[in-house]
Amino acid sequence: MSAVPPPPPASPPVSKGRIFLKRLFSTVLLWSVVLAAIFSPNPIIANYVFLGLMMLLAGTGLWEFYALVEKGGLVCFRAWGVFGGLLLMASTFFYLTAYLPSFAARSRWPSKANDFESTVLILFVLGLCIRQFVSRTNTRGLLAISTTLFGLMYVPWLLNFIQKINFFPGVDGRYYVLYFIVVTKFSDVGAYCVGSLIGRHKMIPRISPGKTWEGLGGAIAVSTLTSVLFSRLCHSHLKEVRILDAVLIGLVLSGAAVIGDLIESLFKREAGVKDSGQFFPGIGGILDLLDSLLFNAPLMYLYLRHVLTH
């Protein structure tokens, strides 16, 4: 009897540093494309390519979220949720850009844009209930409606604030989009670098074993410094941002970025997966790259609307 060949040696685990660099590279590449579209001198490219990219991010991220829901043993209306998310992104875009003549006189008021978005959400909830009415197999309607609605609010609705920042009246919204993305992503860099070097005290190990309080301090410090420097370098386009504003924005966005990352880690842990998807092989999904930005987009919008332009 021939000897059984030994099993092939296991491949060495990829280091956290290498994973972080890959994820950072993917994030920079992804948002470079988005920002290149925003800053294009051609209005068709600046608007419609931007819309296409935002819908791609929203649709893919929402699809990944619903996959996490199903892997966790829950139910949802995945197709209906993705349709509603894409409809929310597209309708808000056309409202804000005033391509529809009936919207032209009203779309420049932030409150009107929020009312329009609320109308879309109300119709979506109504549609969810009707969807359950016609379902012959799903017996957990309350659960399906809840998870589907939460997915829409968690991904497209939060991401939609990027559009509202970009088209905010009276300011160059493109630079505010660039500003909050840079500040948020440098929070990730600060958290990783400081946490790797001196991180000893775990924040919430049952959710994310790698997060430390030292890393949180690094995220806040690096993000706040980046906020101040960037606002000074681009002061001609961010005239509303004073030094105190830059410090406050850095503090708020850095803390919210860490919380956003922890929230997605909680969802993945409940679903029993490491990454939200395989959009970027070996790195993760779209949701892994959006997690720290999702809550920061509305925070930047609210600060812009109620403090900077009040």
C-alpha atoms as a PDB file:
ATOM      1  CA  MET A   1       0.000   0.000   0.000  1.00  0.00           C
ATOM      2  CA  SER A   2       1.465   3.314  -1.041  1.00  0.00           C
ATOM      3  CA  ALA A   3       2.131   5.909   1.600  1.00  0.00           C
ATOM      4  CA  VAL A   4      -0.308   8.775   1.860  1.00  0.00           C
ATOM      5  CA  PRO A   5       1.441  11.964   0.733  1.00  0.00           C
ATOM      6  CA  PRO A   6       1.741  14.599   3.440  1.00  0.00           C
ATOM      7  CA  PRO A   7      -0.669  17.508   3.200  1.00  0.00           C
ATOM      8  CA  PRO A   8       0.730  20.628   1.528  1.00  0.00           C
ATOM      9  CA  PRO A   9       2.125  23.176   3.962  1.00  0.00           C
ATOM     10  CA  ALA A  10      -0.331  25.839   5.003  1.00  0.00           C
ATOM     11  CA  SER A  11       0.306  29.235   3.500  1.00  0.00           C
ATOM     12  CA  PRO A  12       1.581  31.743   6.052  1.00  0.00           C
ATOM     13  CA  PRO A  13      -1.097  34.150   7.326  1.00  0.00           C
ATOM     14  CA  VAL A  14      -1.106  37.591   5.757  1.00  0.00           C
ATOM     15  CA  SER A  15       0.174  40.203   8.187  1.00  0.00           C
ATOM     16  CA  LYS A  16      -2.169  42.874   9.507  1.00  0.00           C
ATOM     17  CA  GLY A  17       0.149  45.520   8.075  1.00  0.00           C
ATOM     18  CA  ARG A  18      -0.116  44.094   4.587  1.00  0.00           C
ATOM     19  CA  ILE A  19      -3.899  43.829   4.839  1.00  0.00           C
ATOM     20  CA  PHE A  20      -4.076  47.423   6.056  1.00  0.00           C
ATOM     21  CA  LEU A  21      -1.918  48.682   3.184  1.00  0.00           C
ATOM     22  CA  LYS A  22      -4.001  46.784   0.625  1.00  0.00           C
ATOM     23  CA  ARG A  23      -7.209  48.154   2.066  1.00  0.00           C
ATOM     24  CA  LEU A  24      -5.771  51.668   2.207  1.00  0.00           C
ATOM     25  CA  PHE A  25      -4.615  51.403  -1.418  1.00  0.00           C
ATOM     26  CA  SER A  26      -8.058  50.211  -2.511  1.00  0.00           C
ATOM     27  CA  THR A  27      -9.713  53.039  -0.592  1.00  0.00           C
ATOM     28  CA  VAL A  28      -7.413  55.673  -2.101  1.00  0.00           C
ATOM     29  CA  LEU A  29      -7.932  54.252  -5.595  1.00  0.00           C
ATOM     30  CA  LEU A  30     -11.701  54.078  -5.196  1.00  0.00           C
ATOM     31  CA  TRP A  31     -12.145  57.592  -3.865  1.00  0.00           C
ATOM     32  CA  SER A  32      -9.599  59.005  -6.320  1.00  0.00           C
ATOM     33  CA  VAL A  33     -11.934  57.900  -9.108  1.00  0.00           C
ATOM     34  CA  VAL A  34     -14.925  59.454  -7.330  1.00  0.00           C
ATOM     35  CA  LEU A  35     -13.087  62.724  -6.709  1.00  0.00           C
ATOM     36  CA  ALA A  36     -11.710  62.808 -10.270  1.00  0.00           C
ATOM     37  CA  ALA A  37     -15.296  62.656 -11.479  1.00  0.00           C
ATOM     38  CA  ILE A  38     -16.370  65.421  -9.084  1.00  0.00           C
ATOM     39  CA  PHE A  39     -13.555  67.771 -10.131  1.00  0.00           C
ATOM     40  CA  SER A  40     -13.830  67.126 -13.864  1.00  0.00           C
ATOM     41  CA  PRO A  41     -14.263  70.386 -15.855  1.00  0.00           C
ATOM     42  CA  ASN A  42     -16.833  68.601 -18.008  1.00  0.00           C
ATOM     43  CA  PRO A  43     -20.217  68.922 -16.245  1.00  0.00           C
ATOM     44  CA  ILE A  44     -21.520  65.710 -17.804  1.00  0.00           C
ATOM     45  CA  ILE A  45     -18.587  63.741 -16.402  1.00  0.00           C
ATOM     46  CA  ALA A  46     -18.648  65.639 -13.099  1.00  0.00           C
ATOM     47  CA  ASN A  47     -22.313  64.858 -12.539  1.00  0.00           C
ATOM     48  CA  TYR A  48     -23.241  61.624 -14.264  1.00  0.00           C
ATOM     49  CA  VAL A  49     -20.045  59.665 -13.663  1.00  0.00           C
ATOM     50  CA  PHE A  50     -20.260  60.787 -10.049  1.00  0.00           C
ATOM     51  CA  LEU A  51     -23.860  59.541  -9.911  1.00  0.00           C
ATOM     52  CA  GLY A  52     -22.893  56.204 -11.464  1.00  0.00           C
ATOM     53  CA  LEU A  53     -20.106  55.681  -8.951  1.00  0.00           C
ATOM     54  CA  MET A  54     -22.305  56.608  -6.007  1.00  0.00           C
ATOM     55  CA  MET A  55     -25.003  54.197  -7.173  1.00  0.00           C
ATOM     56  CA  LEU A  56     -22.387  51.468  -7.613  1.00  0.00           C
ATOM     57  CA  LEU A  57     -21.152  51.990  -4.057  1.00  0.00           C
ATOM     58  CA  ALA A  58     -24.665  52.137  -2.626  1.00  0.00           C
ATOM     59  CA  GLY A  59     -25.978  49.146  -4.555  1.00  0.00           C
ATOM     60  CA  THR A  60     -22.972  46.918  -3.930  1.00  0.00           C
ATOM     61  CA  GLY A  61     -22.657  47.906  -0.281  1.00  0.00           C
ATOM     62  CA  LEU A  62     -26.353  47.276   0.302  1.00  0.00           C
ATOM     63  CA  TRP A  63     -26.201  43.897  -1.464  1.00  0.00           C
ATOM     64  CA  GLU A  64     -23.317  42.922   0.840  1.00  0.00           C
ATOM     65  CA  PHE A  65     -25.248  44.065   3.899  1.00  0.00           C
ATOM     66  CA  TYR A  66     -28.259  41.935   2.990  1.00  0.00           C
ATOM     67  CA  ALA A  67     -25.906  38.999   2.446  1.00  0.00           C
ATOM     68  CA  LEU A  68     -24.688  39.472   6.043  1.00  0.00           C
ATOM     69  CA  VAL A  69     -28.317  39.519   7.200  1.00  0.00           C
ATOM     70  CA  GLU A  70     -29.039  36.205   5.476  1.00  0.00           C
ATOM     71  CA  LYS A  71     -25.822  34.583   6.708  1.00  0.00           C
ATOM     72  CA  GLY A  72     -26.885  35.549  10.226  1.00  0.00           C
ATOM     73  CA  GLY A  73     -30.048  33.486   9.809  1.00  0.00           C
ATOM     74  CA  LEU A  74     -32.381  36.453   9.283  1.00  0.00           C
ATOM     75  CA  VAL A  75     -34.622  37.329   6.354  1.00  0.00           C
ATOM     76  CA  CYS A  76     -34.923  40.396   4.137  1.00  0.00           C
ATOM     77  CA  PHE A  77     -36.264  41.543   0.797  1.00  0.00           C
ATOM     78  CA  ARG A  78     -32.866  41.900  -0.835  1.00  0.00           C
ATOM     79  CA  ALA A  79     -33.935  42.819  -4.385  1.00  0.00           C
ATOM     80  CA  TRP A  80     -36.556  45.305  -3.198  1.00  0.00           C
ATOM     81  CA  GLY A  81     -34.080  46.910  -0.807  1.00  0.00           C
ATOM     82  CA  VAL A  82     -31.405  47.371  -3.475  1.00  0.00           C
ATOM     83  CA  PHE A  83     -33.997  48.794  -5.875  1.00  0.00           C
ATOM     84  CA  GLY A  84     -35.138  51.265  -3.224  1.00  0.00           C
ATOM     85  CA  GLY A  85     -31.547  52.262  -2.429  1.00  0.00           C
ATOM     86  CA  LEU A  86     -30.701  52.957  -6.058  1.00  0.00           C
ATOM     87  CA  LEU A  87     -33.959  54.872  -6.511  1.00  0.00           C
ATOM     88  CA  LEU A  88     -33.128  57.000  -3.471  1.00  0.00           C
ATOM     89  CA  MET A  89     -29.670  57.866  -4.831  1.00  0.00           C
ATOM     90  CA  ALA A  90     -30.880  58.644  -8.360  1.00  0.00           C
ATOM     91  CA  SER A  91     -33.951  60.682  -7.365  1.00  0.00           C
ATOM     92  CA  THR A  92     -31.939  62.776  -4.887  1.00  0.00           C
ATOM     93  CA  PHE A  93     -29.339  63.451  -7.573  1.00  0.00           C
ATOM     94  CA  PHE A  94     -31.915  64.712 -10.062  1.00  0.00           C
ATOM     95  CA  TYR A  95     -33.559  66.814  -7.395  1.00  0.00           C
ATOM     96  CA  LEU A  96     -30.306  68.425  -6.228  1.00  0.00           C
ATOM     97  CA  THR A  97     -28.972  69.095  -9.725  1.00  0.00           C
ATOM     98  CA  ALA A  98     -32.325  70.561 -10.821  1.00  0.00           C
ATOM     99  CA  TYR A  99     -32.314  68.616 -14.088  1.00  0.00           C
ATOM    100  CA  LEU A 100     -36.068  68.260 -13.651  1.00  0.00           C
ATOM    101  CA  PRO A 101     -37.575  71.713 -14.470  1.00  0.00           C
ATOM    102  CA  SER A 102     -40.219  71.494 -11.739  1.00  0.00           C
ATOM    103  CA  PHE A 103     -37.442  71.127  -9.130  1.00  0.00           C
ATOM    104  CA  ALA A 104     -35.246  73.979 -10.348  1.00  0.00           C
ATOM    105  CA  ALA A 105     -36.628  76.693  -8.072  1.00  0.00           C
ATOM    106  CA  ARG A 106     -36.743  74.529  -4.929  1.00  0.00           C
ATOM    107  CA  SER A 107     -33.787  72.176  -5.040  1.00  0.00           C
ATOM    108  CA  ARG A 108     -31.267  74.744  -3.811  1.00  0.00           C
ATOM    109  CA  TRP A 109     -32.801  74.753  -0.320  1.00  0.00           C
ATOM    110  CA  PRO A 110     -31.362  72.001   1.924  1.00  0.00           C
ATOM    111  CA  SER A 111     -34.630  71.657   3.852  1.00  0.00           C
ATOM    112  CA  LYS A 112     -36.543  71.037   0.614  1.00  0.00           C
ATOM    113  CA  ALA A 113     -34.036  68.377  -0.415  1.00  0.00           C
ATOM    114  CA  ASN A 114     -34.474  66.638   2.939  1.00  0.00           C
ATOM    115  CA  ASP A 115     -38.268  66.756   2.556  1.00  0.00           C
ATOM    116  CA  PHE A 116     -37.970  65.207  -0.888  1.00  0.00           C
ATOM    117  CA  GLU A 117     -35.750  62.433   0.483  1.00  0.00           C
ATOM    118  CA  SER A 118     -38.254  61.780   3.276  1.00  0.00           C
ATOM    119  CA  THR A 119     -40.983  61.357   0.679  1.00  0.00           C
ATOM    120  CA  VAL A 120     -38.953  58.658  -1.077  1.00  0.00           C
ATOM    121  CA  LEU A 121     -38.386  56.872   2.249  1.00  0.00           C
ATOM    122  CA  ILE A 122     -42.096  56.971   3.108  1.00  0.00           C
ATOM    123  CA  LEU A 123     -42.963  55.428  -0.250  1.00  0.00           C
ATOM    124  CA  PHE A 124     -40.282  52.787   0.294  1.00  0.00           C
ATOM    125  CA  VAL A 125     -41.752  51.760   3.661  1.00  0.00           C
ATOM    126  CA  LEU A 126     -45.216  51.580   2.090  1.00  0.00           C
ATOM    127  CA  GLY A 127     -43.793  49.459  -0.726  1.00  0.00           C
ATOM    128  CA  LEU A 128     -42.156  47.119   1.804  1.00  0.00           C
ATOM    129  CA  CYS A 129     -45.487  46.471   3.480  1.00  0.00           C
ATOM    130  CA  ILE A 130     -47.146  45.779   0.137  1.00  0.00           C
ATOM    131  CA  ARG A 131     -44.256  43.464  -0.728  1.00  0.00           C
ATOM    132  CA  GLN A 132     -45.014  41.450   2.392  1.00  0.00           C
ATOM    133  CA  PHE A 133     -48.709  41.350   1.490  1.00  0.00           C
ATOM    134  CA  VAL A 134     -47.959  39.506  -1.765  1.00  0.00           C
ATOM    135  CA  SER A 135     -45.320  37.189  -0.287  1.00  0.00           C
ATOM    136  CA  ARG A 136     -46.540  33.597  -0.059  1.00  0.00           C
ATOM    137  CA  THR A 137     -43.466  32.070   1.552  1.00  0.00           C
ATOM    138  CA  ASN A 138     -42.158  34.571   4.101  1.00  0.00           C
ATOM    139  CA  THR A 139     -43.917  34.230   7.454  1.00  0.00           C
ATOM    140  CA  ARG A 140     -41.663  36.683   9.294  1.00  0.00           C
ATOM    141  CA  GLY A 141     -42.903  39.911   7.792  1.00  0.00           C
ATOM    142  CA  LEU A 142     -41.965  42.172  10.691  1.00  0.00           C
ATOM    143  CA  LEU A 143     -38.382  40.893  10.630  1.00  0.00           C
ATOM    144  CA  ALA A 144     -38.057  41.124   6.839  1.00  0.00           C
ATOM    145  CA  ILE A 145     -39.437  44.670   6.746  1.00  0.00           C
ATOM    146  CA  SER A 146     -37.164  45.753   9.630  1.00  0.00           C
ATOM    147  CA  THR A 147     -33.929  44.338   8.216  1.00  0.00           C
ATOM    148  CA  THR A 148     -34.662  45.630   4.715  1.00  0.00           C
ATOM    149  CA  LEU A 149     -35.451  49.122   5.968  1.00  0.00           C
ATOM    150  CA  PHE A 150     -32.413  49.202   8.246  1.00  0.00           C
ATOM    151  CA  GLY A 151     -30.178  48.211   5.328  1.00  0.00           C
ATOM    152  CA  LEU A 152     -31.522  51.091   3.251  1.00  0.00           C
ATOM    153  CA  MET A 153     -30.934  53.540   6.103  1.00  0.00           C
ATOM    154  CA  TYR A 154     -27.490  52.157   6.937  1.00  0.00           C
ATOM    155  CA  VAL A 155     -25.974  52.247   3.427  1.00  0.00           C
ATOM    156  CA  PRO A 156     -27.745  54.374   0.763  1.00  0.00           C
ATOM    157  CA  TRP A 157     -29.372  56.866   3.113  1.00  0.00           C
ATOM    158  CA  LEU A 158     -26.124  57.619   4.977  1.00  0.00           C
ATOM    159  CA  LEU A 159     -24.103  57.574   1.751  1.00  0.00           C
ATOM    160  CA  ASN A 160     -26.617  59.942   0.179  1.00  0.00           C
ATOM    161  CA  PHE A 161     -25.303  62.760   2.371  1.00  0.00           C
ATOM    162  CA  ILE A 162     -22.202  62.841   0.148  1.00  0.00           C
ATOM    163  CA  GLN A 163     -24.447  64.007  -2.675  1.00  0.00           C
ATOM    164  CA  LYS A 164     -26.025  66.619  -0.433  1.00  0.00           C
ATOM    165  CA  ILE A 165     -22.579  67.906   0.533  1.00  0.00           C
ATOM    166  CA  ASN A 166     -21.391  67.941  -3.076  1.00  0.00           C
ATOM    167  CA  PHE A 167     -24.371  69.998  -4.264  1.00  0.00           C
ATOM    168  CA  PHE A 168     -24.758  72.149  -1.150  1.00  0.00           C
ATOM    169  CA  PRO A 169     -25.777  75.699  -2.173  1.00  0.00           C
ATOM    170  CA  GLY A 170     -23.463  78.641  -1.619  1.00  0.00           C
ATOM    171  CA  VAL A 171     -20.203  76.705  -1.145  1.00  0.00           C
ATOM    172  CA  ASP A 172     -17.861  74.614  -3.271  1.00  0.00           C
ATOM    173  CA  GLY A 173     -19.210  71.300  -2.045  1.00  0.00           C
ATOM    174  CA  ARG A 174     -16.585  69.304  -3.929  1.00  0.00           C
ATOM    175  CA  TYR A 175     -13.900  70.446  -1.516  1.00  0.00           C
ATOM    176  CA  TYR A 176     -16.037  69.568   1.488  1.00  0.00           C
ATOM    177  CA  VAL A 177     -16.453  66.040   0.106  1.00  0.00           C
ATOM    178  CA  LEU A 178     -12.687  65.804  -0.346  1.00  0.00           C
ATOM    179  CA  TYR A 179     -12.134  67.327   3.101  1.00  0.00           C
ATOM    180  CA  PHE A 180     -14.238  64.873   5.081  1.00  0.00           C
ATOM    181  CA  ILE A 181     -12.937  61.838   3.158  1.00  0.00           C
ATOM    182  CA  VAL A 182      -9.306  62.809   3.796  1.00  0.00           C
ATOM    183  CA  VAL A 183      -9.923  63.512   7.494  1.00  0.00           C
ATOM    184  CA  THR A 184     -11.799  60.217   7.902  1.00  0.00           C
ATOM    185  CA  LYS A 185      -9.204  58.075   6.166  1.00  0.00           C
ATOM    186  CA  PHE A 186      -6.320  59.639   8.087  1.00  0.00           C
ATOM    187  CA  SER A 187      -8.206  58.602  11.188  1.00  0.00           C
ATOM    188  CA  ASP A 188      -7.851  54.995   9.986  1.00  0.00           C
ATOM    189  CA  VAL A 189      -4.127  55.554   9.386  1.00  0.00           C
ATOM    190  CA  GLY A 190      -3.590  57.068  12.842  1.00  0.00           C
ATOM    191  CA  ALA A 191      -5.517  54.274  14.546  1.00  0.00           C
ATOM    192  CA  TYR A 192      -3.527  51.560  12.807  1.00  0.00           C
ATOM    193  CA  CYS A 193      -0.065  53.111  13.229  1.00  0.00           C
ATOM    194  CA  VAL A 194      -0.421  54.073  16.893  1.00  0.00           C
ATOM    195  CA  GLY A 195      -2.349  50.919  17.771  1.00  0.00           C
ATOM    196  CA  SER A 196       0.316  48.719  16.161  1.00  0.00           C
ATOM    197  CA  LEU A 197       3.187  50.496  17.890  1.00  0.00           C
ATOM    198  CA  ILE A 198       1.935  51.014  21.439  1.00  0.00           C
ATOM    199  CA  GLY A 199      -1.573  49.525  21.555  1.00  0.00           C
ATOM    200  CA  ARG A 200      -2.016  47.482  24.726  1.00  0.00           C
ATOM    201  CA  HIS A 201      -5.503  48.114  26.085  1.00  0.00           C
ATOM    202  CA  LYS A 202      -8.342  46.564  24.090  1.00  0.00           C
ATOM    203  CA  MET A 203     -11.460  48.638  23.457  1.00  0.00           C
ATOM    204  CA  ILE A 204     -14.177  46.034  22.787  1.00  0.00           C
ATOM    205  CA  PRO A 205     -12.371  42.724  22.147  1.00  0.00           C
ATOM    206  CA  ARG A 206     -15.618  40.746  21.778  1.00  0.00           C
ATOM    207  CA  ILE A 207     -16.389  42.810  18.666  1.00  0.00           C
ATOM    208  CA  SER A 208     -12.981  43.800  17.281  1.00  0.00           C
ATOM    209  CA  PRO A 209      -9.933  42.244  18.983  1.00  0.00           C
ATOM    210  CA  GLY A 210      -7.531  44.558  17.185  1.00  0.00           C
ATOM    211  CA  LYS A 211      -9.000  47.888  18.335  1.00  0.00           C
ATOM    212  CA  THR A 212      -7.179  49.543  21.247  1.00  0.00           C
ATOM    213  CA  TRP A 213      -7.667  52.714  23.245  1.00  0.00           C
ATOM    214  CA  GLU A 214      -4.206  53.825  22.186  1.00  0.00           C
ATOM    215  CA  GLY A 215      -5.282  53.403  18.566  1.00  0.00           C
ATOM    216  CA  LEU A 216      -8.332  55.566  19.238  1.00  0.00           C
ATOM    217  CA  GLY A 217      -6.040  58.280  20.591  1.00  0.00           C
ATOM    218  CA  GLY A 218      -3.888  58.015  17.481  1.00  0.00           C
ATOM    219  CA  ALA A 219      -6.958  58.258  15.261  1.00  0.00           C
ATOM    220  CA  ILE A 220      -8.124  61.423  17.011  1.00  0.00           C
ATOM    221  CA  ALA A 221      -4.685  63.069  17.001  1.00  0.00           C
ATOM    222  CA  VAL A 222      -3.808  62.329  13.364  1.00  0.00           C
ATOM    223  CA  SER A 223      -7.302  63.127  12.093  1.00  0.00           C
ATOM    224  CA  THR A 224      -7.470  66.450  13.941  1.00  0.00           C
ATOM    225  CA  LEU A 225      -4.024  67.487  12.722  1.00  0.00           C
ATOM    226  CA  THR A 226      -4.987  66.537   9.175  1.00  0.00           C
ATOM    227  CA  SER A 227      -8.207  68.539   9.465  1.00  0.00           C
ATOM    228  CA  VAL A 228      -6.351  71.678  10.524  1.00  0.00           C
ATOM    229  CA  LEU A 229      -3.641  71.351   7.872  1.00  0.00           C
ATOM    230  CA  PHE A 230      -6.041  70.540   5.039  1.00  0.00           C
ATOM    231  CA  SER A 231      -8.411  73.379   5.915  1.00  0.00           C
ATOM    232  CA  ARG A 232      -5.473  75.804   5.838  1.00  0.00           C
ATOM    233  CA  LEU A 233      -4.061  74.469   2.556  1.00  0.00           C
ATOM    234  CA  CYS A 234      -7.460  74.724   0.876  1.00  0.00           C
ATOM    235  CA  HIS A 235      -8.643  77.802   2.742  1.00  0.00           C
ATOM    236  CA  SER A 236      -9.681  79.576  -0.483  1.00  0.00           C
ATOM    237  CA  HIS A 237     -12.224  76.790  -1.072  1.00  0.00           C
ATOM    238  CA  LEU A 238     -13.093  76.156   2.586  1.00  0.00           C
ATOM    239  CA  LYS A 239     -13.508  79.763   3.690  1.00  0.00           C
ATOM    240  CA  GLU A 240     -16.185  78.886   6.206  1.00  0.00           C
ATOM    241  CA  VAL A 241     -13.846  76.578   8.173  1.00  0.00           C
ATOM    242  CA  ARG A 242     -11.967  78.404  10.941  1.00  0.00           C
ATOM    243  CA  ILE A 243      -9.242  76.846  13.068  1.00  0.00           C
ATOM    244  CA  LEU A 244     -11.690  76.001  15.848  1.00  0.00           C
ATOM    245  CA  ASP A 245     -14.057  74.446  13.301  1.00  0.00           C
ATOM    246  CA  ALA A 246     -11.227  72.340  11.866  1.00  0.00           C
ATOM    247  CA  VAL A 247     -10.331  71.060  15.340  1.00  0.00           C
ATOM    248  CA  LEU A 248     -13.942  70.197  16.168  1.00  0.00           C
ATOM    249  CA  ILE A 249     -14.490  68.512  12.804  1.00  0.00           C
ATOM    250  CA  GLY A 250     -11.322  66.446  13.283  1.00  0.00           C
ATOM    251  CA  LEU A 251     -12.396  65.354  16.759  1.00  0.00           C
ATOM    252  CA  VAL A 252     -15.938  64.438  15.710  1.00  0.00           C
ATOM    253  CA  LEU A 253     -15.079  62.663  12.461  1.00  0.00           C
ATOM    254  CA  SER A 254     -12.211  60.661  13.961  1.00  0.00           C
ATOM    255  CA  GLY A 255     -14.339  59.348  16.802  1.00  0.00           C
ATOM    256  CA  ALA A 256     -17.273  58.570  14.509  1.00  0.00           C
ATOM    257  CA  ALA A 257     -14.974  56.779  12.054  1.00  0.00           C
ATOM    258  CA  VAL A 258     -13.850  54.345  14.758  1.00  0.00           C
ATOM    259  CA  ILE A 259     -17.455  53.796  15.868  1.00  0.00           C
ATOM    260  CA  GLY A 260     -18.524  53.183  12.262  1.00  0.00           C
ATOM    261  CA  ASP A 261     -15.800  50.583  11.868  1.00  0.00           C
ATOM    262  CA  LEU A 262     -16.880  48.870  15.094  1.00  0.00           C
ATOM    263  CA  ILE A 263     -20.518  48.798  13.981  1.00  0.00           C
ATOM    264  CA  GLU A 264     -19.652  46.978  10.767  1.00  0.00           C
ATOM    265  CA  SER A 265     -17.403  44.599  12.731  1.00  0.00           C
ATOM    266  CA  LEU A 266     -20.407  43.803  14.927  1.00  0.00           C
ATOM    267  CA  PHE A 267     -22.511  42.937  11.880  1.00  0.00           C
ATOM    268  CA  LYS A 268     -19.780  40.728  10.414  1.00  0.00           C
ATOM    269  CA  ARG A 269     -19.210  38.919  13.713  1.00  0.00           C
ATOM    270  CA  GLU A 270     -22.909  38.136  14.037  1.00  0.00           C
ATOM    271  CA  ALA A 271     -22.896  36.812  10.447  1.00  0.00           C
ATOM    272  CA  GLY A 272     -19.748  34.756  11.124  1.00  0.00           C
ATOM    273  CA  VAL A 273     -17.652  36.265   8.321  1.00  0.00           C
ATOM    274  CA  LYS A 274     -14.354  38.126   8.202  1.00  0.00           C
ATOM    275  CA  ASP A 275     -15.148  40.464   5.305  1.00  0.00           C
ATOM    276  CA  SER A 276     -18.421  41.884   4.034  1.00  0.00           C
ATOM    277  CA  GLY A 277     -17.740  40.613   0.506  1.00  0.00           C
ATOM    278  CA  GLN A 278     -15.136  39.807  -2.122  1.00  0.00           C
ATOM    279  CA  PHE A 279     -15.412  42.871  -4.323  1.00  0.00           C
ATOM    280  CA  PHE A 280     -11.687  43.316  -3.788  1.00  0.00           C
ATOM    281  CA  PRO A 281     -10.225  39.764  -3.663  1.00  0.00           C
ATOM    282  CA  GLY A 282      -8.084  39.220  -0.591  1.00  0.00           C
ATOM    283  CA  ILE A 283      -9.092  42.558   0.897  1.00  0.00           C
ATOM    284  CA  GLY A 284     -12.817  42.657   1.455  1.00  0.00           C
ATOM    285  CA  GLY A 285     -15.990  44.185   0.144  1.00  0.00           C
ATOM    286  CA  ILE A 286     -17.304  47.639  -0.582  1.00  0.00           C
ATOM    287  CA  LEU A 287     -18.873  47.807   2.872  1.00  0.00           C
ATOM    288  CA  ASP A 288     -15.438  47.262   4.441  1.00  0.00           C
ATOM    289  CA  LEU A 289     -14.196  50.371   2.637  1.00  0.00           C
ATOM    290  CA  LEU A 290     -17.276  52.478   3.415  1.00  0.00           C
ATOM    291  CA  ASP A 291     -17.775  51.664   7.099  1.00  0.00           C
ATOM    292  CA  SER A 292     -15.879  54.641   8.535  1.00  0.00           C
ATOM    293  CA  LEU A 293     -17.396  57.066   6.013  1.00  0.00           C
ATOM    294  CA  LEU A 294     -21.065  56.196   6.379  1.00  0.00           C
ATOM    295  CA  PHE A 295     -21.709  58.049   9.639  1.00  0.00           C
ATOM    296  CA  ASN A 296     -19.208  60.800   8.868  1.00  0.00           C
ATOM    297  CA  ALA A 297     -21.049  61.940   5.735  1.00  0.00           C
ATOM    298  CA  PRO A 298     -24.186  63.087   7.628  1.00  0.00           C
ATOM    299  CA  LEU A 299     -22.063  64.562  10.432  1.00  0.00           C
ATOM    300  CA  MET A 300     -20.122  66.657   7.903  1.00  0.00           C
ATOM    301  CA  TYR A 301     -23.355  67.704   6.223  1.00  0.00           C
ATOM    302  CA  LEU A 302     -24.987  68.739   9.505  1.00  0.00           C
ATOM    303  CA  TYR A 303     -21.931  70.738  10.569  1.00  0.00           C
ATOM    304  CA  LEU A 304     -21.817  72.411   7.154  1.00  0.00           C
ATOM    305  CA  ARG A 305     -25.504  73.277   7.226  1.00  0.00           C
ATOM    306  CA  HIS A 306     -26.065  74.292  10.845  1.00  0.00           C
ATOM    307  CA  VAL A 307     -22.667  75.701  11.893  1.00  0.00           C
ATOM    308  CA  LEU A 308     -20.549  76.737   8.921  1.00  0.00           C
ATOM    309  CA  THR A 309     -23.356  78.263   6.831  1.00  0.00           C
ATOM    310  CA  HIS A 310     -25.858  79.117   9.555  1.00  0.00           C
END
